[in-house]
Amino acid sequence: MTTKLEQAIDVSFNYLVGNTDIELNKEALSKVQKITQCNDEEKNHIFVTIDAIIRDFKN
């Protein structure tokens, strides 16, 4: 039942019930899953890039 609800509104159950304030929709979750399939060097490059984007966005 909860899986169908999550899919229908495209957010996680934990987000819905207030256990987290992090909203992981299907697109974000898919990207995280792809990153976990990378080797350590590739992950490091991705995380350095993400960190730089977040740093620049905050400024």
N, C-alpha and C. Protein backbone atom coordinates (compact mmCIF):
# COMPACT_ATOMS: atom_id res chain seq x y z
N MET A 1 0.82 -1.20 0.00
CA MET A 1 0.00 0.00 0.00
C MET A 1 0.87 1.26 0.00
N THR A 2 1.87 1.31 0.90
CA THR A 2 2.69 2.52 0.95
C THR A 2 3.51 2.71 -0.31
N THR A 3 3.95 1.61 -0.91
CA THR A 3 4.72 1.72 -2.15
C THR A 3 3.88 2.36 -3.25
N LYS A 4 2.64 1.97 -3.36
CA LYS A 4 1.75 2.57 -4.37
C LYS A 4 1.55 4.05 -4.10
N LEU A 5 1.41 4.41 -2.84
CA LEU A 5 1.24 5.82 -2.48
C LEU A 5 2.51 6.60 -2.80
N GLU A 6 3.68 6.04 -2.44
CA GLU A 6 4.95 6.69 -2.75
C GLU A 6 5.08 6.92 -4.26
N GLN A 7 4.74 5.92 -5.03
CA GLN A 7 4.85 6.02 -6.48
C GLN A 7 3.86 7.04 -7.04
N ALA A 8 2.69 7.09 -6.48
CA ALA A 8 1.67 8.00 -6.98
C ALA A 8 2.04 9.46 -6.78
N ILE A 9 2.65 9.76 -5.62
CA ILE A 9 2.99 11.17 -5.37
C ILE A 9 4.49 11.43 -5.49
N ASP A 10 5.25 10.41 -5.81
CA ASP A 10 6.67 10.54 -6.15
C ASP A 10 7.55 11.03 -5.00
N VAL A 11 7.25 10.62 -3.76
CA VAL A 11 8.13 10.90 -2.62
C VAL A 11 8.19 9.67 -1.73
N SER A 12 9.18 9.62 -0.85
CA SER A 12 9.35 8.46 0.02
C SER A 12 8.35 8.47 1.18
N PHE A 13 8.10 7.29 1.72
CA PHE A 13 7.19 7.16 2.85
C PHE A 13 7.72 7.91 4.06
N ASN A 14 9.04 7.82 4.30
CA ASN A 14 9.63 8.53 5.44
C ASN A 14 9.41 10.03 5.34
N TYR A 15 9.46 10.56 4.15
CA TYR A 15 9.19 11.99 3.95
C TYR A 15 7.72 12.29 4.24
N LEU A 16 6.85 11.41 3.80
CA LEU A 16 5.42 11.62 3.99
C LEU A 16 5.03 11.66 5.47
N VAL A 17 5.62 10.78 6.27
CA VAL A 17 5.22 10.68 7.67
C VAL A 17 6.08 11.57 8.58
N GLY A 18 7.00 12.32 8.00
CA GLY A 18 7.78 13.27 8.78
C GLY A 18 9.02 12.72 9.44
N ASN A 19 9.46 11.52 9.04
CA ASN A 19 10.68 10.96 9.62
C ASN A 19 11.94 11.59 9.05
N THR A 20 11.81 12.31 7.94
CA THR A 20 12.93 12.99 7.32
C THR A 20 12.42 14.23 6.61
N ASP A 21 13.31 15.20 6.47
CA ASP A 21 12.93 16.38 5.70
C ASP A 21 13.56 16.34 4.31
N ILE A 22 14.17 15.21 4.00
CA ILE A 22 14.81 15.03 2.70
C ILE A 22 13.82 14.35 1.77
N GLU A 23 13.47 15.05 0.70
CA GLU A 23 12.52 14.51 -0.27
C GLU A 23 13.30 13.85 -1.41
N LEU A 24 13.26 12.53 -1.49
CA LEU A 24 13.92 11.81 -2.57
C LEU A 24 12.86 11.34 -3.55
N ASN A 25 12.76 12.03 -4.66
CA ASN A 25 11.81 11.60 -5.67
C ASN A 25 12.48 10.56 -6.56
N LYS A 26 11.76 10.03 -7.50
CA LYS A 26 12.27 8.96 -8.35
C LYS A 26 13.53 9.38 -9.11
N GLU A 27 13.54 10.60 -9.62
CA GLU A 27 14.67 11.07 -10.40
C GLU A 27 15.93 11.17 -9.54
N ALA A 28 15.80 11.75 -8.35
CA ALA A 28 16.95 11.89 -7.45
C ALA A 28 17.44 10.51 -7.01
N LEU A 29 16.53 9.63 -6.66
CA LEU A 29 16.90 8.29 -6.23
C LEU A 29 17.59 7.52 -7.35
N SER A 30 17.13 7.67 -8.56
CA SER A 30 17.75 7.01 -9.71
C SER A 30 19.19 7.48 -9.88
N LYS A 31 19.43 8.77 -9.70
CA LYS A 31 20.79 9.31 -9.84
C LYS A 31 21.69 8.79 -8.73
N VAL A 32 21.17 8.72 -7.51
CA VAL A 32 21.95 8.19 -6.40
C VAL A 32 22.31 6.72 -6.67
N GLN A 33 21.36 5.96 -7.18
CA GLN A 33 21.62 4.55 -7.48
C GLN A 33 22.71 4.42 -8.55
N LYS A 34 22.71 5.27 -9.55
CA LYS A 34 23.73 5.23 -10.59
C LYS A 34 25.10 5.56 -10.03
N ILE A 35 25.15 6.52 -9.11
CA ILE A 35 26.43 6.89 -8.49
C ILE A 35 26.99 5.71 -7.70
N THR A 36 26.14 4.99 -6.99
CA THR A 36 26.62 3.87 -6.18
C THR A 36 27.21 2.75 -7.03
N GLN A 37 26.88 2.73 -8.31
CA GLN A 37 27.41 1.70 -9.20
C GLN A 37 28.79 2.08 -9.77
N CYS A 38 29.22 3.30 -9.54
CA CYS A 38 30.51 3.75 -10.05
C CYS A 38 31.64 3.23 -9.17
N ASN A 39 32.86 3.20 -9.74
CA ASN A 39 33.99 2.81 -8.92
C ASN A 39 34.38 3.99 -8.02
N ASP A 40 35.30 3.76 -7.07
CA ASP A 40 35.64 4.78 -6.07
C ASP A 40 36.20 6.05 -6.70
N GLU A 41 37.01 5.93 -7.73
CA GLU A 41 37.58 7.10 -8.38
C GLU A 41 36.49 7.95 -9.05
N GLU A 42 35.57 7.27 -9.73
CA GLU A 42 34.47 7.98 -10.38
C GLU A 42 33.57 8.68 -9.35
N LYS A 43 33.29 7.97 -8.25
CA LYS A 43 32.49 8.56 -7.18
C LYS A 43 33.16 9.81 -6.64
N ASN A 44 34.47 9.75 -6.43
CA ASN A 44 35.21 10.89 -5.91
C ASN A 44 35.06 12.10 -6.84
N HIS A 45 35.21 11.88 -8.15
CA HIS A 45 35.05 12.96 -9.12
C HIS A 45 33.64 13.55 -9.07
N ILE A 46 32.66 12.69 -8.97
CA ILE A 46 31.26 13.14 -8.90
C ILE A 46 31.03 13.98 -7.65
N PHE A 47 31.53 13.49 -6.50
CA PHE A 47 31.31 14.20 -5.24
C PHE A 47 32.05 15.53 -5.19
N VAL A 48 33.25 15.59 -5.76
CA VAL A 48 33.98 16.86 -5.82
C VAL A 48 33.19 17.86 -6.66
N THR A 49 32.65 17.40 -7.77
CA THR A 49 31.85 18.27 -8.63
C THR A 49 30.58 18.74 -7.92
N ILE A 50 29.90 17.82 -7.27
CA ILE A 50 28.68 18.19 -6.54
C ILE A 50 29.01 19.20 -5.44
N ASP A 51 30.08 18.95 -4.69
CA ASP A 51 30.48 19.87 -3.63
C ASP A 51 30.75 21.27 -4.17
N ALA A 52 31.42 21.35 -5.33
CA ALA A 52 31.71 22.66 -5.94
C ALA A 52 30.42 23.36 -6.37
N ILE A 53 29.50 22.62 -6.93
CA ILE A 53 28.22 23.21 -7.36
C ILE A 53 27.45 23.73 -6.16
N ILE A 54 27.39 22.94 -5.10
CA ILE A 54 26.68 23.36 -3.88
C ILE A 54 27.34 24.60 -3.28
N ARG A 55 28.67 24.61 -3.20
CA ARG A 55 29.41 25.76 -2.68
C ARG A 55 29.09 27.01 -3.49
N ASP A 56 29.13 26.90 -4.81
CA ASP A 56 28.86 28.05 -5.68
C ASP A 56 27.40 28.50 -5.58
N PHE A 57 26.51 27.55 -5.45
CA PHE A 57 25.08 27.87 -5.36
C PHE A 57 24.78 28.65 -4.09
N LYS A 58 25.45 28.28 -2.98
CA LYS A 58 25.23 28.96 -1.70
C LYS A 58 25.74 30.39 -1.73
N ASN A 59 26.74 30.66 -2.56
CA ASN A 59 27.29 32.00 -2.63
C ASN A 59 26.51 32.77 -3.62
